[in-house]
PDB file of N, CA and C in Angstrom:
ATOM      1  N   UNK A   1      21.961   0.676  20.263  1.00  0.00           N
ATOM      2  CA  UNK A   1      20.901   0.619  19.163  1.00  0.00           C
ATOM      3  C   UNK A   1      20.258  -0.467  19.247  1.00  0.00           C
ATOM      4  N   UNK A   2      18.855  -0.437  18.882  1.00  0.00           N
ATOM      5  CA  UNK A   2      17.857  -1.543  18.567  1.00  0.00           C
ATOM      6  C   UNK A   2      17.756  -1.706  17.280  1.00  0.00           C
ATOM      7  N   UNK A   3      17.712  -3.032  16.944  1.00  0.00           N
ATOM      8  CA  UNK A   3      17.063  -3.474  15.409  1.00  0.00           C
ATOM      9  C   UNK A   3      15.553  -4.405  15.172  1.00  0.00           C
ATOM     10  N   UNK A   4      15.084  -3.506  15.058  1.00  0.00           N
ATOM     11  CA  UNK A   4      13.544  -3.671  14.780  1.00  0.00           C
ATOM     12  C   UNK A   4      13.454  -4.734  13.368  1.00  0.00           C
ATOM     13  N   UNK A   5      12.764  -5.872  13.191  1.00  0.00           N
ATOM     14  CA  UNK A   5      12.382  -6.435  12.305  1.00  0.00           C
ATOM     15  C   UNK A   5      11.120  -6.615  11.706  1.00  0.00           C
ATOM     16  N   UNK A   6      10.141  -6.275  10.739  1.00  0.00           N
ATOM     17  CA  UNK A   6       9.217  -5.893  10.922  1.00  0.00           C
ATOM     18  C   UNK A   6       8.252  -6.271   9.388  1.00  0.00           C
ATOM     19  N   UNK A   7       6.929  -7.411   9.508  1.00  0.00           N
ATOM     20  CA  UNK A   7       6.403  -7.342   8.173  1.00  0.00           C
ATOM     21  C   UNK A   7       4.766  -6.816   8.351  1.00  0.00           C
ATOM     22  N   UNK A   8       4.256  -6.100   7.143  1.00  0.00           N
ATOM     23  CA  UNK A   8       3.224  -5.569   7.429  1.00  0.00           C
ATOM     24  C   UNK A   8       2.550  -6.235   6.049  1.00  0.00           C
ATOM     25  N   UNK A   9       1.217  -6.938   6.363  1.00  0.00           N
ATOM     26  CA  UNK A   9       0.877  -7.511   5.310  1.00  0.00           C
ATOM     27  C   UNK A   9      -0.659  -7.204   5.364  1.00  0.00           C
ATOM     28  N   UNK A  10      -1.261  -6.964   4.594  1.00  0.00           N
ATOM     29  CA  UNK A  10      -2.289  -6.143   4.593  1.00  0.00           C
ATOM     30  C   UNK A  10      -3.824  -7.830   3.852  1.00  0.00           C
ATOM     31  N   UNK A  11      -5.005  -7.699   4.809  1.00  0.00           N
ATOM     32  CA  UNK A  11      -5.393  -8.767   4.339  1.00  0.00           C
ATOM     33  C   UNK A  11      -6.808  -8.488   3.574  1.00  0.00           C
ATOM     34  N   UNK A  12      -7.148  -9.275   2.890  1.00  0.00           N
ATOM     35  CA  UNK A  12      -8.571  -8.954   2.023  1.00  0.00           C
ATOM     36  C   UNK A  12      -7.757  -8.150   1.197  1.00  0.00           C
ATOM     37  N   UNK A  13      -7.101  -8.291   0.032  1.00  0.00           N
ATOM     38  CA  UNK A  13      -7.027  -7.014  -1.040  1.00  0.00           C
ATOM     39  C   UNK A  13      -7.163  -7.970  -2.060  1.00  0.00           C
ATOM     40  N   UNK A  14      -7.620  -6.967  -3.345  1.00  0.00           N
ATOM     41  CA  UNK A  14      -7.559  -7.802  -4.450  1.00  0.00           C
ATOM     42  C   UNK A  14      -6.626  -8.113  -5.272  1.00  0.00           C
ATOM     43  N   UNK A  15      -5.721  -9.295  -5.427  1.00  0.00           N
ATOM     44  CA  UNK A  15      -4.893  -9.982  -6.243  1.00  0.00           C
ATOM     45  C   UNK A  15      -3.905 -10.766  -4.592  1.00  0.00           C
ATOM     46  N   UNK A  16      -2.880 -11.158  -5.215  1.00  0.00           N
ATOM     47  CA  UNK A  16      -2.283 -11.682  -4.247  1.00  0.00           C
ATOM     48  C   UNK A  16      -0.539 -10.997  -4.387  1.00  0.00           C
ATOM     49  N   UNK A  17       0.004 -10.383  -5.032  1.00  0.00           N
ATOM     50  CA  UNK A  17       0.854  -9.809  -4.823  1.00  0.00           C
ATOM     51  C   UNK A  17       0.877  -8.924  -3.975  1.00  0.00           C
ATOM     52  N   UNK A  18       1.658  -8.428  -2.653  1.00  0.00           N
ATOM     53  CA  UNK A  18       1.808  -7.709  -1.766  1.00  0.00           C
ATOM     54  C   UNK A  18       3.007  -6.562  -2.277  1.00  0.00           C
ATOM     55  N   UNK A  19       3.725  -6.363  -3.318  1.00  0.00           N
ATOM     56  CA  UNK A  19       5.073  -5.682  -3.400  1.00  0.00           C
ATOM     57  C   UNK A  19       4.902  -4.242  -3.448  1.00  0.00           C
ATOM     58  N   UNK A  20       3.473  -3.751  -3.967  1.00  0.00           N
ATOM     59  CA  UNK A  20       3.306  -2.701  -3.719  1.00  0.00           C
ATOM     60  C   UNK A  20       3.143  -2.021  -3.088  1.00  0.00           C
ATOM     61  N   UNK A  21       1.911  -2.408  -1.816  1.00  0.00           N
ATOM     62  CA  UNK A  21       2.368  -2.130  -0.239  1.00  0.00           C
ATOM     63  C   UNK A  21       3.278  -2.465   0.698  1.00  0.00           C
ATOM     64  N   UNK A  22       4.572  -3.095   0.143  1.00  0.00           N
ATOM     65  CA  UNK A  22       5.621  -2.946  -0.063  1.00  0.00           C
ATOM     66  C   UNK A  22       6.754  -1.863  -0.131  1.00  0.00           C
ATOM     67  N   UNK A  23       6.775  -1.691  -1.336  1.00  0.00           N
ATOM     68  CA  UNK A  23       7.054  -0.458  -1.701  1.00  0.00           C
ATOM     69  C   UNK A  23       6.961   0.594  -0.583  1.00  0.00           C
ATOM     70  N   UNK A  24       5.042   0.825  -0.475  1.00  0.00           N
ATOM     71  CA  UNK A  24       5.187   2.389  -0.042  1.00  0.00           C
ATOM     72  C   UNK A  24       5.218   2.299   1.382  1.00  0.00           C
ATOM     73  N   UNK A  25       5.370   1.239   2.394  1.00  0.00           N
ATOM     74  CA  UNK A  25       6.419   0.867   3.399  1.00  0.00           C
ATOM     75  C   UNK A  25       7.335   1.469   3.367  1.00  0.00           C
ATOM     76  N   UNK A  26       8.176   1.041   2.459  1.00  0.00           N
ATOM     77  CA  UNK A  26       9.586   1.184   2.209  1.00  0.00           C
ATOM     78  C   UNK A  26      10.154   3.046   1.901  1.00  0.00           C
ATOM     79  N   UNK A  27       8.896   3.490   1.869  1.00  0.00           N
ATOM     80  CA  UNK A  27       8.877   5.054   1.729  1.00  0.00           C
ATOM     81  C   UNK A  27       9.164   5.642   2.441  1.00  0.00           C
ATOM     82  N   UNK A  28       8.119   5.565   3.496  1.00  0.00           N
ATOM     83  CA  UNK A  28       8.048   5.713   4.868  1.00  0.00           C
ATOM     84  C   UNK A  28       9.909   5.872   5.568  1.00  0.00           C
ATOM     85  N   UNK A  29      10.065   4.443   5.362  1.00  0.00           N
ATOM     86  CA  UNK A  29      11.937   4.406   5.694  1.00  0.00           C
ATOM     87  C   UNK A  29      12.484   5.437   5.059  1.00  0.00           C
ATOM     88  N   UNK A  30      12.101   5.575   4.062  1.00  0.00           N
ATOM     89  CA  UNK A  30      13.610   6.295   3.251  1.00  0.00           C
ATOM     90  C   UNK A  30      13.216   7.873   3.895  1.00  0.00           C
ATOM     91  N   UNK A  31      11.977   8.083   4.072  1.00  0.00           N
ATOM     92  CA  UNK A  31      11.523   9.484   3.903  1.00  0.00           C
ATOM     93  C   UNK A  31      12.675   9.935   5.455  1.00  0.00           C
ATOM     94  N   UNK A  32      12.759   8.694   6.735  1.00  0.00           N
ATOM     95  CA  UNK A  32      13.484   9.036   7.925  1.00  0.00           C
ATOM     96  C   UNK A  32      14.572   8.833   7.632  1.00  0.00           C
ATOM     97  N   UNK A  33      15.151   8.160   6.086  1.00  0.00           N
ATOM     98  CA  UNK A  33      16.844   8.233   6.339  1.00  0.00           C
ATOM     99  C   UNK A  33      17.468   7.257   7.921  1.00  0.00           C
ATOM    100  N   UNK A  34      16.240   6.421   7.669  1.00  0.00           N
ATOM    101  CA  UNK A  34      16.968   5.258   8.730  1.00  0.00           C
ATOM    102  C   UNK A  34      18.033   4.115   8.215  1.00  0.00           C
ATOM    103  N   UNK A  35      18.108   3.505   8.695  1.00  0.00           N
ATOM    104  CA  UNK A  35      19.473   2.108   7.624  1.00  0.00           C
ATOM    105  C   UNK A  35      18.733   0.829   7.742  1.00  0.00           C
ATOM    106  N   UNK A  36      18.126   0.221   7.038  1.00  0.00           N
ATOM    107  CA  UNK A  36      17.396  -0.537   6.662  1.00  0.00           C
ATOM    108  C   UNK A  36      17.727  -1.477   6.101  1.00  0.00           C
ATOM    109  N   UNK A  37      17.352  -3.165   5.880  1.00  0.00           N
ATOM    110  CA  UNK A  37      17.341  -3.624   4.669  1.00  0.00           C
ATOM    111  C   UNK A  37      16.344  -4.894   4.827  1.00  0.00           C
ATOM    112  N   UNK A  38      15.970  -4.502   3.325  1.00  0.00           N
ATOM    113  CA  UNK A  38      14.870  -5.203   2.159  1.00  0.00           C
ATOM    114  C   UNK A  38      14.889  -6.491   2.965  1.00  0.00           C
ATOM    115  N   UNK A  39      14.219  -7.448   3.148  1.00  0.00           N
ATOM    116  CA  UNK A  39      14.669  -9.127   2.729  1.00  0.00           C
ATOM    117  C   UNK A  39      13.375  -9.692   2.395  1.00  0.00           C
ATOM    118  N   UNK A  40      13.782 -11.193   1.612  1.00  0.00           N
ATOM    119  CA  UNK A  40      12.380 -11.431   1.323  1.00  0.00           C
ATOM    120  C   UNK A  40      10.908 -12.073   1.988  1.00  0.00           C
ATOM    121  N   UNK A  41      11.371 -11.584   3.518  1.00  0.00           N
ATOM    122  CA  UNK A  41      10.484 -12.023   4.193  1.00  0.00           C
ATOM    123  C   UNK A  41       9.583 -10.748   5.073  1.00  0.00           C
ATOM    124  N   UNK A  42      10.312  -9.642   5.075  1.00  0.00           N
ATOM    125  CA  UNK A  42      10.333  -8.452   6.106  1.00  0.00           C
ATOM    126  C   UNK A  42      11.483  -7.111   5.413  1.00  0.00           C
ATOM    127  N   UNK A  43      11.746  -6.664   6.781  1.00  0.00           N
ATOM    128  CA  UNK A  43      12.631  -5.095   6.891  1.00  0.00           C
ATOM    129  C   UNK A  43      13.171  -5.375   7.687  1.00  0.00           C
ATOM    130  N   UNK A  44      14.820  -5.233   7.857  1.00  0.00           N
ATOM    131  CA  UNK A  44      15.236  -5.106   9.225  1.00  0.00           C
ATOM    132  C   UNK A  44      15.503  -3.598   8.911  1.00  0.00           C
ATOM    133  N   UNK A  45      15.517  -2.891  10.869  1.00  0.00           N
ATOM    134  CA  UNK A  45      15.493  -1.409  10.891  1.00  0.00           C
ATOM    135  C   UNK A  45      16.508  -1.106  11.715  1.00  0.00           C
ATOM    136  N   UNK A  46      17.710  -0.162  11.705  1.00  0.00           N
ATOM    137  CA  UNK A  46      17.784  -0.201  13.175  1.00  0.00           C
ATOM    138  C   UNK A  46      18.245   1.591  13.392  1.00  0.00           C
ATOM    139  N   UNK A  47      17.986   1.449  15.279  1.00  0.00           N
ATOM    140  CA  UNK A  47      18.102   2.941  15.963  1.00  0.00           C
ATOM    141  C   UNK A  47      17.855   2.732  16.952  1.00  0.00           C
ATOM    142  N   UNK A  48      17.246   4.062  17.601  1.00  0.00           N
ATOM    143  CA  UNK A  48      16.438   3.838  18.838  1.00  0.00           C
ATOM    144  C   UNK A  48      15.379   3.429  18.977  1.00  0.00           C
ATOM    145  N   UNK A  49      15.032   2.994  19.745  1.00  0.00           N
ATOM    146  CA  UNK A  49      13.733   1.800  20.145  1.00  0.00           C
ATOM    147  C   UNK A  49      12.543   2.989  19.796  1.00  0.00           C
ATOM    148  N   UNK A  50      12.432   4.693  20.336  1.00  0.00           N
ATOM    149  CA  UNK A  50      11.216   5.109  20.342  1.00  0.00           C
ATOM    150  C   UNK A  50      11.166   5.613  18.700  1.00  0.00           C
ATOM    151  N   UNK A  51      12.388   5.752  17.932  1.00  0.00           N
ATOM    152  CA  UNK A  51      12.125   6.049  16.633  1.00  0.00           C
ATOM    153  C   UNK A  51      11.388   4.625  16.086  1.00  0.00           C
ATOM    154  N   UNK A  52      12.204   3.381  16.094  1.00  0.00           N
ATOM    155  CA  UNK A  52      11.732   2.048  15.382  1.00  0.00           C
ATOM    156  C   UNK A  52      10.231   1.648  15.707  1.00  0.00           C
ATOM    157  N   UNK A  53       9.835   2.330  16.832  1.00  0.00           N
ATOM    158  CA  UNK A  53       8.485   2.390  17.304  1.00  0.00           C
ATOM    159  C   UNK A  53       7.307   3.096  16.349  1.00  0.00           C
ATOM    160  N   UNK A  54       8.001   4.099  16.412  1.00  0.00           N
ATOM    161  CA  UNK A  54       7.011   4.972  15.183  1.00  0.00           C
ATOM    162  C   UNK A  54       6.681   4.478  14.630  1.00  0.00           C
ATOM    163  N   UNK A  55       8.243   4.016  13.682  1.00  0.00           N
ATOM    164  CA  UNK A  55       8.052   4.331  12.219  1.00  0.00           C
ATOM    165  C   UNK A  55       7.678   3.062  12.067  1.00  0.00           C
ATOM    166  N   UNK A  56       7.097   1.224  12.840  1.00  0.00           N
ATOM    167  CA  UNK A  56       6.606   0.503  12.674  1.00  0.00           C
ATOM    168  C   UNK A  56       5.331   1.009  12.915  1.00  0.00           C
ATOM    169  N   UNK A  57       5.020   2.093  13.579  1.00  0.00           N
ATOM    170  CA  UNK A  57       3.346   2.608  13.386  1.00  0.00           C
ATOM    171  C   UNK A  57       2.369   3.333  12.066  1.00  0.00           C
ATOM    172  N   UNK A  58       3.402   4.092  11.334  1.00  0.00           N
ATOM    173  CA  UNK A  58       3.329   4.500  10.352  1.00  0.00           C
ATOM    174  C   UNK A  58       3.566   3.423   9.172  1.00  0.00           C
ATOM    175  N   UNK A  59       4.391   2.585   9.510  1.00  0.00           N
ATOM    176  CA  UNK A  59       4.386   1.533   7.980  1.00  0.00           C
ATOM    177  C   UNK A  59       3.099   0.772   8.475  1.00  0.00           C
ATOM    178  N   UNK A  60       2.327   0.542   9.433  1.00  0.00           N
ATOM    179  CA  UNK A  60       1.572  -0.641  10.208  1.00  0.00           C
ATOM    180  C   UNK A  60       0.168   0.174   9.068  1.00  0.00           C
ATOM    181  N   UNK A  61       0.328   1.375   8.939  1.00  0.00           N
ATOM    182  CA  UNK A  61      -1.289   2.533   8.450  1.00  0.00           C
ATOM    183  C   UNK A  61      -0.990   2.528   6.898  1.00  0.00           C
ATOM    184  N   UNK A  62       0.032   2.022   6.274  1.00  0.00           N
ATOM    185  CA  UNK A  62       0.212   2.129   4.979  1.00  0.00           C
ATOM    186  C   UNK A  62      -0.774   1.459   4.400  1.00  0.00           C
ATOM    187  N   UNK A  63      -1.431   0.007   4.205  1.00  0.00           N
ATOM    188  CA  UNK A  63      -1.958  -0.977   3.493  1.00  0.00           C
ATOM    189  C   UNK A  63      -3.628   0.293   4.271  1.00  0.00           C
ATOM    190  N   UNK A  64      -3.938   0.393   5.419  1.00  0.00           N
ATOM    191  CA  UNK A  64      -4.934   1.413   5.635  1.00  0.00           C
ATOM    192  C   UNK A  64      -5.260   2.707   4.653  1.00  0.00           C
ATOM    193  N   UNK A  65      -4.202   2.979   4.433  1.00  0.00           N
ATOM    194  CA  UNK A  65      -4.238   4.518   3.462  1.00  0.00           C
ATOM    195  C   UNK A  65      -4.321   3.810   1.871  1.00  0.00           C
ATOM    196  N   UNK A  66      -4.622   2.043   1.613  1.00  0.00           N
ATOM    197  CA  UNK A  66      -4.304   2.152   0.604  1.00  0.00           C
ATOM    198  C   UNK A  66      -5.560   1.511   0.216  1.00  0.00           C
ATOM    199  N   UNK A  67      -6.786   1.207   1.098  1.00  0.00           N
ATOM    200  CA  UNK A  67      -7.581   0.955   1.031  1.00  0.00           C
ATOM    201  C   UNK A  67      -7.874  -0.528   1.355  1.00  0.00           C
ATOM    202  N   UNK A  68      -6.921  -1.111   2.787  1.00  0.00           N
ATOM    203  CA  UNK A  68      -6.886  -2.141   3.037  1.00  0.00           C
ATOM    204  C   UNK A  68      -7.922  -1.957   4.563  1.00  0.00           C
ATOM    205  N   UNK A  69      -8.674  -2.903   5.011  1.00  0.00           N
ATOM    206  CA  UNK A  69      -9.999  -2.816   6.019  1.00  0.00           C
ATOM    207  C   UNK A  69      -8.731  -3.948   7.171  1.00  0.00           C
ATOM    208  N   UNK A  70      -8.350  -4.447   6.994  1.00  0.00           N
ATOM    209  CA  UNK A  70      -7.363  -5.343   7.927  1.00  0.00           C
ATOM    210  C   UNK A  70      -6.573  -5.253   7.836  1.00  0.00           C
ATOM    211  N   UNK A  71      -5.147  -5.262   8.827  1.00  0.00           N
ATOM    212  CA  UNK A  71      -3.922  -5.585   8.206  1.00  0.00           C
ATOM    213  C   UNK A  71      -3.174  -5.868   9.908  1.00  0.00           C
ATOM    214  N   UNK A  72      -1.960  -7.304   9.255  1.00  0.00           N
ATOM    215  CA  UNK A  72      -1.398  -7.719  10.500  1.00  0.00           C
ATOM    216  C   UNK A  72      -0.372  -7.398  10.311  1.00  0.00           C
ATOM    217  N   UNK A  73       0.495  -6.925  11.026  1.00  0.00           N
ATOM    218  CA  UNK A  73       2.051  -6.314  11.650  1.00  0.00           C
ATOM    219  C   UNK A  73       2.730  -7.248  12.580  1.00  0.00           C
ATOM    220  N   UNK A  74       4.086  -8.001  11.990  1.00  0.00           N
ATOM    221  CA  UNK A  74       4.700  -8.589  12.661  1.00  0.00           C
ATOM    222  C   UNK A  74       5.832  -7.661  13.266  1.00  0.00           C
ATOM    223  N   UNK A  75       6.373  -7.538  14.884  1.00  0.00           N
ATOM    224  CA  UNK A  75       7.418  -7.032  14.843  1.00  0.00           C
ATOM    225  C   UNK A  75       8.529  -8.043  15.830  1.00  0.00           C
ATOM    226  N   UNK A  76       9.611  -8.246  15.418  1.00  0.00           N
ATOM    227  CA  UNK A  76      10.650  -8.440  16.220  1.00  0.00           C
ATOM    228  C   UNK A  76      11.162  -7.279  16.432  1.00  0.00           C
ATOM    229  N   UNK A  77      11.875  -7.408  18.275  1.00  0.00           N
ATOM    230  CA  UNK A  77      12.399  -6.387  18.725  1.00  0.00           C
ATOM    231  C   UNK A  77      13.917  -7.244  19.390  1.00  0.00           C
ATOM    232  N   UNK A  78      14.868  -6.585  19.002  1.00  0.00           N
ATOM    233  CA  UNK A  78      16.425  -7.018  19.468  1.00  0.00           C
ATOM    234  C   UNK A  78      16.917  -5.851  20.002  1.00  0.00           C
ATOM    235  N   UNK A  79      17.184  -5.517  21.293  1.00  0.00           N
ATOM    236  CA  UNK A  79      17.392  -4.437  21.825  1.00  0.00           C
ATOM    237  C   UNK A  79      18.733  -4.027  23.127  1.00  0.00           C
ATOM    238  N   UNK A  80      19.721  -4.149  22.438  1.00  0.00           N
ATOM    239  CA  UNK A  80      21.063  -5.050  23.775  1.00  0.00           C
ATOM    240  C   UNK A  80      21.468  -3.736  23.746  1.00  0.00           C
ATOM    241  N   UNK A  81      21.551  -3.514  25.022  1.00  0.00           N
ATOM    242  CA  UNK A  81      21.725  -2.122  25.848  1.00  0.00           C
ATOM    243  C   UNK A  81      23.878  -2.436  26.653  1.00  0.00           C
ATOM    244  N   UNK A  82      24.445  -3.332  26.162  1.00  0.00           N
ATOM    245  CA  UNK A  82      25.762  -3.503  26.317  1.00  0.00           C
ATOM    246  C   UNK A  82      26.358  -3.455  25.358  1.00  0.00           C
ATOM    247  N   UNK A  83      26.124  -3.232  23.975  1.00  0.00           N
ATOM    248  CA  UNK A  83      26.605  -2.789  22.758  1.00  0.00           C
ATOM    249  C   UNK A  83      25.880  -2.869  22.070  1.00  0.00           C
ATOM    250  N   UNK A  84      26.731  -2.174  20.520  1.00  0.00           N
ATOM    251  CA  UNK A  84      26.179  -1.214  20.145  1.00  0.00           C
ATOM    252  C   UNK A  84      25.524  -2.697  18.579  1.00  0.00           C
ATOM    253  N   UNK A  85      25.075  -2.542  18.680  1.00  0.00           N
ATOM    254  CA  UNK A  85      24.215  -3.487  17.601  1.00  0.00           C
ATOM    255  C   UNK A  85      23.915  -3.082  16.376  1.00  0.00           C
ATOM    256  N   UNK A  86      24.310  -3.468  15.126  1.00  0.00           N
ATOM    257  CA  UNK A  86      23.865  -3.356  13.919  1.00  0.00           C
ATOM    258  C   UNK A  86      23.243  -4.723  13.014  1.00  0.00           C
ATOM    259  N   UNK A  87      22.335  -4.268  12.249  1.00  0.00           N
ATOM    260  CA  UNK A  87      22.703  -5.345  11.274  1.00  0.00           C
ATOM    261  C   UNK A  87      23.700  -6.071  10.702  1.00  0.00           C
ATOM    262  N   UNK A  88      24.436  -5.284  10.234  1.00  0.00           N
ATOM    263  CA  UNK A  88      25.324  -5.913   9.410  1.00  0.00           C
ATOM    264  C   UNK A  88      26.485  -6.147  10.771  1.00  0.00           C
ATOM    265  N   UNK A  89      26.971  -6.180  12.050  1.00  0.00           N
ATOM    266  CA  UNK A  89      27.133  -6.746  12.632  1.00  0.00           C
ATOM    267  C   UNK A  89      26.386  -8.520  13.151  1.00  0.00           C
ATOM    268  N   UNK A  90      25.527  -8.290  13.085  1.00  0.00           N
ATOM    269  CA  UNK A  90      24.419  -9.550  13.837  1.00  0.00           C
ATOM    270  C   UNK A  90      25.041 -10.548  12.703  1.00  0.00           C
ATOM    271  N   UNK A  91      24.775 -10.005  11.163  1.00  0.00           N
ATOM    272  CA  UNK A  91      25.491 -11.145  10.585  1.00  0.00           C
ATOM    273  C   UNK A  91      26.938 -11.705  10.161  1.00  0.00           C
ATOM    274  N   UNK A  92      27.711 -10.258  10.612  1.00  0.00           N
ATOM    275  CA  UNK A  92      28.969 -10.936  10.303  1.00  0.00           C
ATOM    276  C   UNK A  92      29.454 -11.760  11.607  1.00  0.00           C
ATOM    277  N   UNK A  93      29.010 -11.742  12.785  1.00  0.00           N
ATOM    278  CA  UNK A  93      29.140 -12.576  14.170  1.00  0.00           C
ATOM    279  C   UNK A  93      28.839 -13.911  13.327  1.00  0.00           C
ATOM    280  N   UNK A  94      27.422 -14.369  12.784  1.00  0.00           N
ATOM    281  CA  UNK A  94      27.751 -15.959  12.047  1.00  0.00           C
ATOM    282  C   UNK A  94      28.613 -16.030  11.395  1.00  0.00           C
ATOM    283  N   UNK A  95      28.922 -15.715  10.296  1.00  0.00           N
ATOM    284  CA  UNK A  95      29.478 -15.680   9.232  1.00  0.00           C
ATOM    285  C   UNK A  95      31.139 -15.850   9.725  1.00  0.00           C
ATOM    286  N   UNK A  96      31.332 -15.380  10.808  1.00  0.00           N
ATOM    287  CA  UNK A  96      32.255 -15.832  11.440  1.00  0.00           C
ATOM    288  C   UNK A  96      32.214 -17.155  11.957  1.00  0.00           C
ATOM    289  N   UNK A  97      31.532 -17.363  12.854  1.00  0.00           N
ATOM    290  CA  UNK A  97      31.497 -18.469  13.227  1.00  0.00           C
ATOM    291  C   UNK A  97      31.367 -20.179  12.295  1.00  0.00           C
ATOM    292  N   UNK A  98      30.996 -19.311  11.137  1.00  0.00           N
ATOM    293  CA  UNK A  98      30.900 -20.352  10.229  1.00  0.00           C
ATOM    294  C   UNK A  98      31.854 -20.656   9.531  1.00  0.00           C
ATOM    295  N   UNK A  99      33.136 -19.871   9.379  1.00  0.00           N
ATOM    296  CA  UNK A  99      34.703 -19.944   8.752  1.00  0.00           C
ATOM    297  C   UNK A  99      34.879 -20.910   9.851  1.00  0.00           C
ATOM    298  N   UNK A 100      35.160 -21.076  11.424  1.00  0.00           N
ATOM    299  CA  UNK A 100      35.601 -21.556  12.326  1.00  0.00           C
ATOM    300  C   UNK A 100      35.007 -23.408  12.200  1.00  0.00           C
ATOM    301  N   UNK A 101      34.111 -23.372  11.459  1.00  0.00           N
ATOM    302  CA  UNK A 101      34.304 -24.662  11.365  1.00  0.00           C
ATOM    303  C   UNK A 101      34.266 -25.461   9.774  1.00  0.00           C
TER     304      UNK A 101
END
């Protein structure tokens, strides 16, 4: 299972708030019923890589559908094949190491 972090930013839209665009991108994930976690600077999604890339493409299109003429999308992928990786598991691994200090 892979984990993808995505940030979709419309450029040249009226105003400075982007939460309307973020909410519409999250609706794409809700329709697909995938595990995701919204953060202050992006969204983490877990699943098989093919599905994640398809979702990223759909999310990238959201601002265009809302009238944006330019969109900057940043994606990071953690695709671990030796064991199942999850969003929660990655956080727990760090928290456990913090407890040891």
